C-alpha atoms as a PDB file:
ATOM      1  CA  MET A   1      47.652  53.603 -57.453  1.00  0.00           C
ATOM      2  CA  ASN A   2      47.919  56.889 -58.660  1.00  0.00           C
ATOM      3  CA  LEU A   3      51.399  57.797 -58.552  1.00  0.00           C
ATOM      4  CA  MET A   4      50.586  61.515 -59.397  1.00  0.00           C
ATOM      5  CA  LEU A   5      48.500  61.709 -56.254  1.00  0.00           C
ATOM      6  CA  VAL A   6      51.197  59.720 -54.400  1.00  0.00           C
ATOM      7  CA  GLY A   7      53.724  62.353 -55.069  1.00  0.00           C
ATOM      8  CA  THR A   8      51.443  65.363 -54.555  1.00  0.00           C
ATOM      9  CA  ARG A   9      50.812  63.621 -50.888  1.00  0.00           C
ATOM     10  CA  VAL A  10      54.764  63.031 -50.844  1.00  0.00           C
ATOM     11  CA  ALA A  11      55.363  66.656 -51.333  1.00  0.00           C
ATOM     12  CA  ALA A  12      53.104  68.082 -48.918  1.00  0.00           C
ATOM     13  CA  VAL A  13      54.151  66.565 -46.211  1.00  0.00           C
ATOM     14  CA  ALA A  14      58.039  66.995 -47.222  1.00  0.00           C
ATOM     15  CA  ALA A  15      57.200  71.005 -47.364  1.00  0.00           C
ATOM     16  CA  ALA A  16      54.957  70.738 -43.881  1.00  0.00           C
ATOM     17  CA  GLY A  17      57.544  68.665 -42.093  1.00  0.00           C
ATOM     18  CA  ALA A  18      60.404  71.158 -43.383  1.00  0.00           C
ATOM     19  CA  LEU A  19      58.998  73.189 -41.104  1.00  0.00           C
ATOM     20  CA  LEU A  20      59.252  70.935 -38.003  1.00  0.00           C
ATOM     21  CA  ALA A  21      62.715  69.640 -38.890  1.00  0.00           C
ATOM     22  CA  GLY A  22      64.872  72.839 -37.414  1.00  0.00           C
ATOM     23  CA  CYS A  23      62.596  74.629 -35.561  1.00  0.00           C
ATOM     24  CA  GLY A  24      63.924  75.843 -32.251  1.00  0.00           C
ATOM     25  CA  GLY A  25      61.615  77.242 -29.756  1.00  0.00           C
ATOM     26  CA  SER A  26      61.629  79.121 -26.253  1.00  0.00           C
ATOM     27  CA  GLU A  27      61.664  77.375 -23.098  1.00  0.00           C
ATOM     28  CA  SER A  28      58.557  78.526 -20.817  1.00  0.00           C
ATOM     29  CA  LYS A  29      58.930  79.326 -17.956  1.00  0.00           C
ATOM     30  CA  GLY A  30      56.880  76.860 -15.637  1.00  0.00           C
ATOM     31  CA  LYS A  31      55.507  76.698 -12.273  1.00  0.00           C
ATOM     32  CA  ASP A  32      58.867  75.561 -10.786  1.00  0.00           C
ATOM     33  CA  GLY A  33      60.802  78.749 -12.065  1.00  0.00           C
ATOM     34  CA  PRO A  34      62.569  80.381 -15.007  1.00  0.00           C
ATOM     35  CA  GLY A  35      64.140  77.914 -17.933  1.00  0.00           C
ATOM     36  CA  PRO A  36      67.048  76.604 -17.933  1.00  0.00           C
ATOM     37  CA  LYS A  37      70.045  78.270 -19.453  1.00  0.00           C
ATOM     38  CA  PRO A  38      71.128  77.672 -23.418  1.00  0.00           C
ATOM     39  CA  SER A  39      72.606  73.755 -24.133  1.00  0.00           C
ATOM     40  CA  GLY A  40      76.494  73.472 -25.869  1.00  0.00           C
ATOM     41  CA  SER A  41      74.380  72.972 -29.358  1.00  0.00           C
ATOM     42  CA  ALA A  42      72.482  76.268 -29.091  1.00  0.00           C
ATOM     43  CA  LYS A  43      75.616  78.637 -28.111  1.00  0.00           C
ATOM     44  CA  GLN A  44      76.863  78.168 -31.846  1.00  0.00           C
ATOM     45  CA  GLY A  45      75.621  81.843 -32.781  1.00  0.00           C
ATOM     46  CA  GLY A  46      72.191  81.107 -32.961  1.00  0.00           C
ATOM     47  CA  PRO A  47      69.129  81.821 -30.557  1.00  0.00           C
ATOM     48  CA  ALA A  48      69.275  79.748 -27.273  1.00  0.00           C
ATOM     49  CA  THR A  49      66.328  78.051 -26.523  1.00  0.00           C
ATOM     50  CA  GLY A  50      65.354  80.542 -23.299  1.00  0.00           C
ATOM     51  CA  GLY A  51      65.270  83.265 -26.386  1.00  0.00           C
ATOM     52  CA  GLU A  52      68.356  85.064 -25.052  1.00  0.00           C
ATOM     53  CA  LYS A  53      70.660  85.542 -28.889  1.00  0.00           C
ATOM     54  CA  THR A  54      74.530  83.999 -27.857  1.00  0.00           C
ATOM     55  CA  GLY A  55      77.654  85.319 -29.403  1.00  0.00           C
ATOM     56  CA  ALA A  56      79.157  83.548 -32.306  1.00  0.00           C
ATOM     57  CA  SER A  57      82.522  81.436 -31.560  1.00  0.00           C
ATOM     58  CA  LYS A  58      85.963  82.783 -31.764  1.00  0.00           C
ATOM     59  CA  LYS A  59      86.635  80.762 -34.933  1.00  0.00           C
ATOM     60  CA  PRO A  60      82.931  80.820 -36.346  1.00  0.00           C
ATOM     61  CA  ASP A  61      82.307  77.706 -38.916  1.00  0.00           C
ATOM     62  CA  PRO A  62      82.264  79.410 -42.355  1.00  0.00           C
ATOM     63  CA  LYS A  63      79.234  77.250 -42.899  1.00  0.00           C
ATOM     64  CA  GLN A  64      77.787  78.825 -39.831  1.00  0.00           C
ATOM     65  CA  SER A  65      75.601  82.079 -40.167  1.00  0.00           C
ATOM     66  CA  THR A  66      75.707  84.720 -37.721  1.00  0.00           C
ATOM     67  CA  LEU A  67      72.893  85.983 -38.243  1.00  0.00           C
ATOM     68  CA  PRO A  68      70.766  87.198 -35.577  1.00  0.00           C
ATOM     69  CA  GLY A  69      67.969  84.320 -35.136  1.00  0.00           C
ATOM     70  CA  ALA A  70      70.018  81.809 -37.209  1.00  0.00           C
ATOM     71  CA  LEU A  71      70.231  78.008 -36.387  1.00  0.00           C
ATOM     72  CA  PRO A  72      73.661  75.954 -36.071  1.00  0.00           C
ATOM     73  CA  SER A  73      74.477  74.426 -39.696  1.00  0.00           C
ATOM     74  CA  ALA A  74      74.317  71.048 -38.243  1.00  0.00           C
ATOM     75  CA  TYR A  75      73.567  69.182 -35.124  1.00  0.00           C
ATOM     76  CA  ASP A  76      76.494  68.657 -32.694  1.00  0.00           C
ATOM     77  CA  PHE A  77      75.243  68.068 -29.383  1.00  0.00           C
ATOM     78  CA  THR A  78      77.124  64.595 -27.937  1.00  0.00           C
ATOM     79  CA  PRO A  79      75.468  63.374 -24.523  1.00  0.00           C
ATOM     80  CA  ASP A  80      77.682  63.392 -21.512  1.00  0.00           C
ATOM     81  CA  PRO A  81      78.266  59.249 -21.160  1.00  0.00           C
ATOM     82  CA  ASP A  82      77.950  59.642 -17.538  1.00  0.00           C
ATOM     83  CA  ARG A  83      74.235  61.332 -17.699  1.00  0.00           C
ATOM     84  CA  VAL A  84      72.761  58.498 -20.349  1.00  0.00           C
ATOM     85  CA  PRO A  85      70.712  56.667 -17.672  1.00  0.00           C
ATOM     86  CA  LYS A  86      72.049  52.843 -17.202  1.00  0.00           C
ATOM     87  CA  ASN A  87      68.843  51.383 -16.018  1.00  0.00           C
ATOM     88  CA  ALA A  88      64.872  51.762 -15.306  1.00  0.00           C
ATOM     89  CA  ALA A  89      65.191  53.704 -12.800  1.00  0.00           C
ATOM     90  CA  GLN A  90      67.441  56.531 -14.209  1.00  0.00           C
ATOM     91  CA  ALA A  91      65.385  56.230 -17.459  1.00  0.00           C
ATOM     92  CA  ARG A  92      62.213  57.081 -15.192  1.00  0.00           C
ATOM     93  CA  LYS A  93      63.758  59.835 -14.076  1.00  0.00           C
ATOM     94  CA  LEU A  94      64.812  60.921 -17.500  1.00  0.00           C
ATOM     95  CA  THR A  95      61.654  60.657 -19.439  1.00  0.00           C
ATOM     96  CA  ARG A  96      59.459  62.512 -16.529  1.00  0.00           C
ATOM     97  CA  ASP A  97      61.905  65.353 -15.737  1.00  0.00           C
ATOM     98  CA  ALA A  98      61.817  66.042 -20.073  1.00  0.00           C
ATOM     99  CA  ALA A  99      58.212  65.089 -21.095  1.00  0.00           C
ATOM    100  CA  LEU A 100      56.356  68.740 -21.098  1.00  0.00           C
ATOM    101  CA  GLY A 101      53.395  69.504 -18.637  1.00  0.00           C
ATOM    102  CA  GLU A 102      50.817  72.015 -19.154  1.00  0.00           C
ATOM    103  CA  ASN A 103      52.777  75.540 -18.465  1.00  0.00           C
ATOM    104  CA  ASP A 104      55.816  73.873 -20.987  1.00  0.00           C
ATOM    105  CA  TRP A 105      54.356  73.594 -23.945  1.00  0.00           C
ATOM    106  CA  THR A 106      51.882  76.228 -25.031  1.00  0.00           C
ATOM    107  CA  ALA A 107      49.962  78.692 -23.641  1.00  0.00           C
ATOM    108  CA  GLY A 108      46.542  77.417 -22.354  1.00  0.00           C
ATOM    109  CA  MET A 109      46.970  73.872 -22.487  1.00  0.00           C
ATOM    110  CA  VAL A 110      45.462  71.563 -19.874  1.00  0.00           C
ATOM    111  CA  ARG A 111      45.833  68.250 -18.701  1.00  0.00           C
ATOM    112  CA  HIS A 112      43.978  65.744 -20.808  1.00  0.00           C
ATOM    113  CA  THR A 113      42.510  62.679 -18.817  1.00  0.00           C
ATOM    114  CA  PRO A 114      44.354  60.305 -18.607  1.00  0.00           C
ATOM    115  CA  TYR A 115      47.095  62.503 -18.485  1.00  0.00           C
ATOM    116  CA  GLU A 116      50.068  60.531 -17.845  1.00  0.00           C
ATOM    117  CA  SER A 117      51.182  56.672 -18.815  1.00  0.00           C
ATOM    118  CA  GLY A 118      54.024  54.537 -18.966  1.00  0.00           C
ATOM    119  CA  GLY A 119      55.584  51.402 -18.797  1.00  0.00           C
ATOM    120  CA  SER A 120      54.405  49.588 -21.636  1.00  0.00           C
ATOM    121  CA  TRP A 121      54.893  49.994 -25.498  1.00  0.00           C
ATOM    122  CA  PRO A 122      52.885  50.388 -28.241  1.00  0.00           C
ATOM    123  CA  VAL A 123      52.491  47.648 -30.978  1.00  0.00           C
ATOM    124  CA  LEU A 124      51.057  47.861 -34.800  1.00  0.00           C
ATOM    125  CA  PRO A 125      50.162  44.277 -35.967  1.00  0.00           C
ATOM    126  CA  ASP A 126      48.849  43.776 -39.359  1.00  0.00           C
ATOM    127  CA  SER A 127      45.376  44.250 -38.412  1.00  0.00           C
ATOM    128  CA  CYS A 128      46.438  47.963 -38.423  1.00  0.00           C
ATOM    129  CA  VAL A 129      44.789  48.473 -34.434  1.00  0.00           C
ATOM    130  CA  TRP A 130      46.979  49.616 -31.798  1.00  0.00           C
ATOM    131  CA  THR A 131      47.663  47.615 -28.524  1.00  0.00           C
ATOM    132  CA  ARG A 132      50.266  47.712 -26.129  1.00  0.00           C
ATOM    133  CA  SER A 133      52.476  45.181 -24.701  1.00  0.00           C
ATOM    134  CA  ALA A 134      55.381  45.270 -21.906  1.00  0.00           C
ATOM    135  CA  LEU A 135      58.336  47.300 -22.885  1.00  0.00           C
ATOM    136  CA  PRO A 136      61.003  45.468 -24.770  1.00  0.00           C
ATOM    137  CA  PRO A 137      64.596  44.337 -23.456  1.00  0.00           C
ATOM    138  CA  GLY A 138      66.003  46.871 -24.965  1.00  0.00           C
ATOM    139  CA  ILE A 139      63.800  50.116 -23.868  1.00  0.00           C
ATOM    140  CA  LEU A 140      64.566  51.330 -20.390  1.00  0.00           C
ATOM    141  CA  ASP A 141      61.464  53.443 -20.202  1.00  0.00           C
ATOM    142  CA  SER A 142      58.932  55.136 -22.022  1.00  0.00           C
ATOM    143  CA  PHE A 143      56.577  57.947 -20.813  1.00  0.00           C
ATOM    144  CA  THR A 144      53.555  60.092 -21.951  1.00  0.00           C
ATOM    145  CA  ARG A 145      51.983  63.142 -21.055  1.00  0.00           C
ATOM    146  CA  ARG A 146      48.759  64.330 -23.114  1.00  0.00           C
ATOM    147  CA  LEU A 147      47.457  67.772 -22.642  1.00  0.00           C
ATOM    148  CA  ASP A 148      45.041  69.810 -24.699  1.00  0.00           C
ATOM    149  CA  ILE A 149      44.155  72.977 -26.425  1.00  0.00           C
ATOM    150  CA  PRO A 150      40.216  73.798 -24.634  1.00  0.00           C
ATOM    151  CA  ALA A 151      37.522  74.120 -26.991  1.00  0.00           C
ATOM    152  CA  GLN A 152      36.349  77.715 -27.232  1.00  0.00           C
ATOM    153  CA  GLY A 153      35.819  80.869 -28.872  1.00  0.00           C
ATOM    154  CA  GLY A 154      33.470  78.757 -31.457  1.00  0.00           C
ATOM    155  CA  LYS A 155      36.724  76.604 -31.995  1.00  0.00           C
ATOM    156  CA  GLY A 156      37.070  72.906 -30.742  1.00  0.00           C
ATOM    157  CA  ARG A 157      39.765  71.135 -28.421  1.00  0.00           C
ATOM    158  CA  VAL A 158      42.879  70.101 -29.775  1.00  0.00           C
ATOM    159  CA  GLN A 159      44.427  67.300 -28.576  1.00  0.00           C
ATOM    160  CA  GLY A 160      48.083  66.851 -28.088  1.00  0.00           C
ATOM    161  CA  ALA A 161      50.680  64.582 -26.745  1.00  0.00           C
ATOM    162  CA  VAL A 162      54.473  64.291 -26.064  1.00  0.00           C
ATOM    163  CA  THR A 163      56.430  60.566 -24.786  1.00  0.00           C
ATOM    164  CA  VAL A 164      59.742  60.454 -24.358  1.00  0.00           C
ATOM    165  CA  THR A 165      61.677  56.749 -24.520  1.00  0.00           C
ATOM    166  CA  VAL A 166      65.117  56.208 -23.383  1.00  0.00           C
ATOM    167  CA  HIS A 167      66.788  53.086 -25.044  1.00  0.00           C
ATOM    168  CA  ARG A 168      69.972  50.882 -23.992  1.00  0.00           C
ATOM    169  CA  THR A 169      71.492  51.816 -27.110  1.00  0.00           C
ATOM    170  CA  GLU A 170      71.595  54.795 -29.234  1.00  0.00           C
ATOM    171  CA  ALA A 171      71.235  51.797 -32.175  1.00  0.00           C
ATOM    172  CA  GLY A 172      68.022  50.547 -30.442  1.00  0.00           C
ATOM    173  CA  ALA A 173      66.651  54.306 -30.816  1.00  0.00           C
ATOM    174  CA  ASP A 174      67.682  55.019 -34.512  1.00  0.00           C
ATOM    175  CA  ARG A 175      65.662  51.337 -35.185  1.00  0.00           C
ATOM    176  CA  GLU A 176      62.686  52.790 -33.756  1.00  0.00           C
ATOM    177  CA  ILE A 177      62.763  55.763 -36.356  1.00  0.00           C
ATOM    178  CA  LYS A 178      62.967  53.414 -39.272  1.00  0.00           C
ATOM    179  CA  ASP A 179      60.393  51.134 -37.892  1.00  0.00           C
ATOM    180  CA  THR A 180      57.724  54.879 -37.523  1.00  0.00           C
ATOM    181  CA  VAL A 181      58.539  55.428 -41.383  1.00  0.00           C
ATOM    182  CA  GLN A 182      57.699  51.822 -42.279  1.00  0.00           C
ATOM    183  CA  GLU A 183      54.416  51.574 -40.225  1.00  0.00           C
ATOM    184  CA  SER A 184      52.871  54.474 -42.079  1.00  0.00           C
ATOM    185  CA  PHE A 185      53.005  52.417 -45.294  1.00  0.00           C
ATOM    186  CA  ARG A 186      52.081  49.787 -43.993  1.00  0.00           C
ATOM    187  CA  CYS A 187      49.062  50.507 -42.235  1.00  0.00           C
ATOM    188  CA  PRO A 188      48.119  54.132 -44.071  1.00  0.00           C
ATOM    189  CA  ASP A 189      44.584  53.367 -42.183  1.00  0.00           C
ATOM    190  CA  GLN A 190      44.978  52.804 -38.141  1.00  0.00           C
ATOM    191  CA  GLU A 191      42.524  52.381 -35.111  1.00  0.00           C
ATOM    192  CA  LEU A 192      43.799  54.075 -32.027  1.00  0.00           C
ATOM    193  CA  GLY A 193      40.963  52.565 -29.605  1.00  0.00           C
ATOM    194  CA  GLY A 194      37.967  53.993 -28.554  1.00  0.00           C
ATOM    195  CA  GLY A 195      36.554  54.593 -31.764  1.00  0.00           C
ATOM    196  CA  GLN A 196      39.782  57.437 -32.818  1.00  0.00           C
ATOM    197  CA  ARG A 197      40.877  56.453 -35.980  1.00  0.00           C
ATOM    198  CA  LEU A 198      43.990  57.913 -38.248  1.00  0.00           C
ATOM    199  CA  SER A 199      43.462  57.651 -41.924  1.00  0.00           C
ATOM    200  CA  GLY A 200      45.877  58.461 -45.153  1.00  0.00           C
ATOM    201  CA  LEU A 201      49.184  58.836 -43.120  1.00  0.00           C
ATOM    202  CA  MET A 202      52.342  59.341 -44.788  1.00  0.00           C
ATOM    203  CA  SER A 203      55.439  59.583 -42.946  1.00  0.00           C
ATOM    204  CA  LEU A 204      59.183  61.308 -44.311  1.00  0.00           C
ATOM    205  CA  GLN A 205      62.324  61.085 -42.603  1.00  0.00           C
ATOM    206  CA  PHE A 206      64.786  63.421 -43.194  1.00  0.00           C
ATOM    207  CA  ASP A 207      68.005  63.950 -44.218  1.00  0.00           C
ATOM    208  CA  PRO A 208      70.466  63.882 -41.148  1.00  0.00           C
ATOM    209  CA  LYS A 209      71.775  67.317 -42.662  1.00  0.00           C
ATOM    210  CA  ASP A 210      68.543  68.922 -43.124  1.00  0.00           C
ATOM    211  CA  VAL A 211      67.937  68.388 -39.212  1.00  0.00           C
ATOM    212  CA  ARG A 212      69.398  71.189 -36.682  1.00  0.00           C
ATOM    213  CA  ASN A 213      68.107  69.852 -32.893  1.00  0.00           C
ATOM    214  CA  ALA A 214      68.374  66.136 -33.127  1.00  0.00           C
ATOM    215  CA  ASP A 215      70.473  63.463 -34.557  1.00  0.00           C
ATOM    216  CA  ALA A 216      67.097  62.047 -36.288  1.00  0.00           C
ATOM    217  CA  SER A 217      63.916  63.432 -36.526  1.00  0.00           C
ATOM    218  CA  LEU A 218      60.959  62.266 -38.893  1.00  0.00           C
ATOM    219  CA  PHE A 219      57.671  63.599 -39.656  1.00  0.00           C
ATOM    220  CA  GLU A 220      53.809  62.197 -40.635  1.00  0.00           C
ATOM    221  CA  ALA A 221      50.634  63.243 -41.607  1.00  0.00           C
ATOM    222  CA  GLY A 222      46.983  62.410 -42.028  1.00  0.00           C
ATOM    223  CA  LYS A 223      43.828  62.131 -41.199  1.00  0.00           C
ATOM    224  CA  TYR A 224      41.726  61.884 -37.564  1.00  0.00           C
ATOM    225  CA  THR A 225      38.338  60.695 -36.524  1.00  0.00           C
ATOM    226  CA  GLY A 226      37.057  60.477 -33.093  1.00  0.00           C
ATOM    227  CA  PRO A 227      34.261  61.130 -30.673  1.00  0.00           C
ATOM    228  CA  GLU A 228      33.463  65.140 -30.788  1.00  0.00           C
ATOM    229  CA  SER A 229      36.030  65.624 -33.375  1.00  0.00           C
ATOM    230  CA  GLY A 230      33.329  67.514 -35.509  1.00  0.00           C
ATOM    231  CA  GLY A 231      34.079  65.353 -37.975  1.00  0.00           C
ATOM    232  CA  VAL A 232      37.527  64.701 -40.352  1.00  0.00           C
ATOM    233  CA  GLN A 233      40.308  67.120 -38.586  1.00  0.00           C
ATOM    234  CA  ASP A 234      44.091  67.272 -39.799  1.00  0.00           C
ATOM    235  CA  TYR A 235      46.744  65.284 -37.673  1.00  0.00           C
ATOM    236  CA  VAL A 236      50.425  65.770 -37.455  1.00  0.00           C
ATOM    237  CA  TRP A 237      52.981  63.857 -35.673  1.00  0.00           C
ATOM    238  CA  SER A 238      57.291  64.189 -35.529  1.00  0.00           C
ATOM    239  CA  LYS A 239      59.917  61.670 -34.045  1.00  0.00           C
ATOM    240  CA  SER A 240      63.137  62.974 -33.144  1.00  0.00           C
ATOM    241  CA  ARG A 241      66.335  61.076 -31.596  1.00  0.00           C
ATOM    242  CA  ILE A 242      69.433  62.250 -29.447  1.00  0.00           C
ATOM    243  CA  GLY A 243      71.726  59.508 -29.022  1.00  0.00           C
ATOM    244  CA  PRO A 244      69.735  56.738 -27.517  1.00  0.00           C
ATOM    245  CA  VAL A 245      66.486  58.700 -26.259  1.00  0.00           C
ATOM    246  CA  THR A 246      63.568  59.406 -28.921  1.00  0.00           C
ATOM    247  CA  THR A 247      60.749  62.126 -28.440  1.00  0.00           C
ATOM    248  CA  ALA A 248      57.532  61.988 -30.344  1.00  0.00           C
ATOM    249  CA  VAL A 249      54.894  64.950 -30.519  1.00  0.00           C
ATOM    250  CA  SER A 250      51.517  64.224 -31.688  1.00  0.00           C
ATOM    251  CA  VAL A 251      48.766  67.176 -32.225  1.00  0.00           C
ATOM    252  CA  LYS A 252      45.106  65.701 -33.253  1.00  0.00           C
ATOM    253  CA  GLY A 253      43.261  68.887 -34.892  1.00  0.00           C
ATOM    254  CA  ALA A 254      39.878  70.389 -34.106  1.00  0.00           C
ATOM    255  CA  LYS A 255      37.425  72.851 -35.559  1.00  0.00           C
ATOM    256  CA  GLY A 256      38.745  76.473 -36.556  1.00  0.00           C
ATOM    257  CA  TYR A 257      42.383  74.750 -36.833  1.00  0.00           C
ATOM    258  CA  THR A 258      44.296  74.658 -39.792  1.00  0.00           C
ATOM    259  CA  ASN A 259      47.117  72.245 -40.464  1.00  0.00           C
ATOM    260  CA  THR A 260      49.592  75.313 -40.055  1.00  0.00           C
ATOM    261  CA  ASP A 261      48.174  75.786 -36.554  1.00  0.00           C
ATOM    262  CA  LEU A 262      48.880  72.169 -35.616  1.00  0.00           C
ATOM    263  CA  LEU A 263      52.607  72.389 -37.167  1.00  0.00           C
ATOM    264  CA  ARG A 264      52.809  75.186 -34.767  1.00  0.00           C
ATOM    265  CA  ILE A 265      52.027  73.445 -31.803  1.00  0.00           C
ATOM    266  CA  ALA A 266      53.772  70.783 -32.970  1.00  0.00           C
ATOM    267  CA  ALA A 267      56.605  72.438 -33.630  1.00  0.00           C
ATOM    268  CA  GLU A 268      56.953  74.535 -30.416  1.00  0.00           C
ATOM    269  CA  GLY A 269      56.211  71.163 -28.935  1.00  0.00           C
ATOM    270  CA  GLY A 270      58.992  68.820 -30.279  1.00  0.00           C
ATOM    271  CA  ALA A 271      61.876  71.755 -29.871  1.00  0.00           C
ATOM    272  CA  LYS A 272      61.187  72.241 -26.284  1.00  0.00           C
ATOM    273  CA  VAL A 273      61.104  68.482 -25.730  1.00  0.00           C
ATOM    274  CA  LEU A 274      64.215  68.141 -27.346  1.00  0.00           C
ATOM    275  CA  TYR A 275      65.801  70.918 -25.382  1.00  0.00           C
ATOM    276  CA  ARG A 276      64.792  69.419 -22.107  1.00  0.00           C
ATOM    277  CA  VAL A 277      66.338  66.099 -23.088  1.00  0.00           C
ATOM    278  CA  GLU A 278      69.702  67.894 -24.400  1.00  0.00           C
ATOM    279  CA  LEU A 279      69.546  69.291 -20.506  1.00  0.00           C
ATOM    280  CA  GLU A 280      69.353  65.730 -19.032  1.00  0.00           C
ATOM    281  CA  LEU A 281      72.391  64.611 -21.608  1.00  0.00           C
ATOM    282  CA  LYS A 282      75.081  67.393 -21.084  1.00  0.00           C
END
C-alpha cells in the first residue's frame, strides 16, 4: 500500500470534513409555516438556526466568541430525559418529525423514488454488498427520506438521503458512530444494489472538541457510480449523534457539480436535521 497516497487521502478527507463538523444552517420555511425558535445550544452568542442573531449571556465564557456569526466554542446541549423516546411509537414520531422533506433541505429538491423507508437496518457483511435486516434489539426506529436536485441547466441529478435513528441507549448510538468508521476501512469499495457502487471510501471521526452541533460526528468521502450517474462522481456522507439519536446525510454527485458543491449541500442538510433532532429532545 502506498502510505503517502493514503496520507494524502486522509488529509483531503479531514480538510473537507472540517467544513461539516461545526456548520450551522438556516431552518427553511416549509409548508408547515416558519421555522422554530433557536435551541438552547444556539443561544451561546452564536447564530440561531433560524438565521436570527442571539445575544451573549450575561457572563460569557471567555472561550466563547461573541463575534457576529460565531459558533459556540463547545456543544453543550443535554436532551430532556422526558423527551427521549422510550418505545418504538415515540421513536417513530421523532424520526419522522426530524427527517427532512422536500421543502426543508435546499431549494429545488424533489422526492426521489422510493421516497421513504423505515423499520429495517442496513448490514455490511464481508462481501461488502449492503443488505437489510430487521431492526436490532437496541434500536427503536430508523427512518430514511431520499431527495434529489433534478437535472437541469446541463447538470445531472444529485441524489441526497437523510436518515434518523433512535437507539435505546446513548452507548448504543455511540457504538454506531464507531462501527461506521471501521466499515470504510473494512470495505473501501461497496455495492449498494441496483448497479450502484461506492469506491475509495475513507472515513474520519472528529475530535469532540471540534464538533459544534452534536455530541459526535464523522465524515466519509469517496466515489460513486450507478445508473444514469454519467460516469464516476464524488460522494460525501456525514453521520452525527445527539444523545441516543443518530443522523446521517449522504449526497451522490452528478455531472456539473464539484466536490465543494456536494459538501455545501451535505452541510446544509446535516445542520438542519441535527437542529430538528434538538427540537424533538429539548
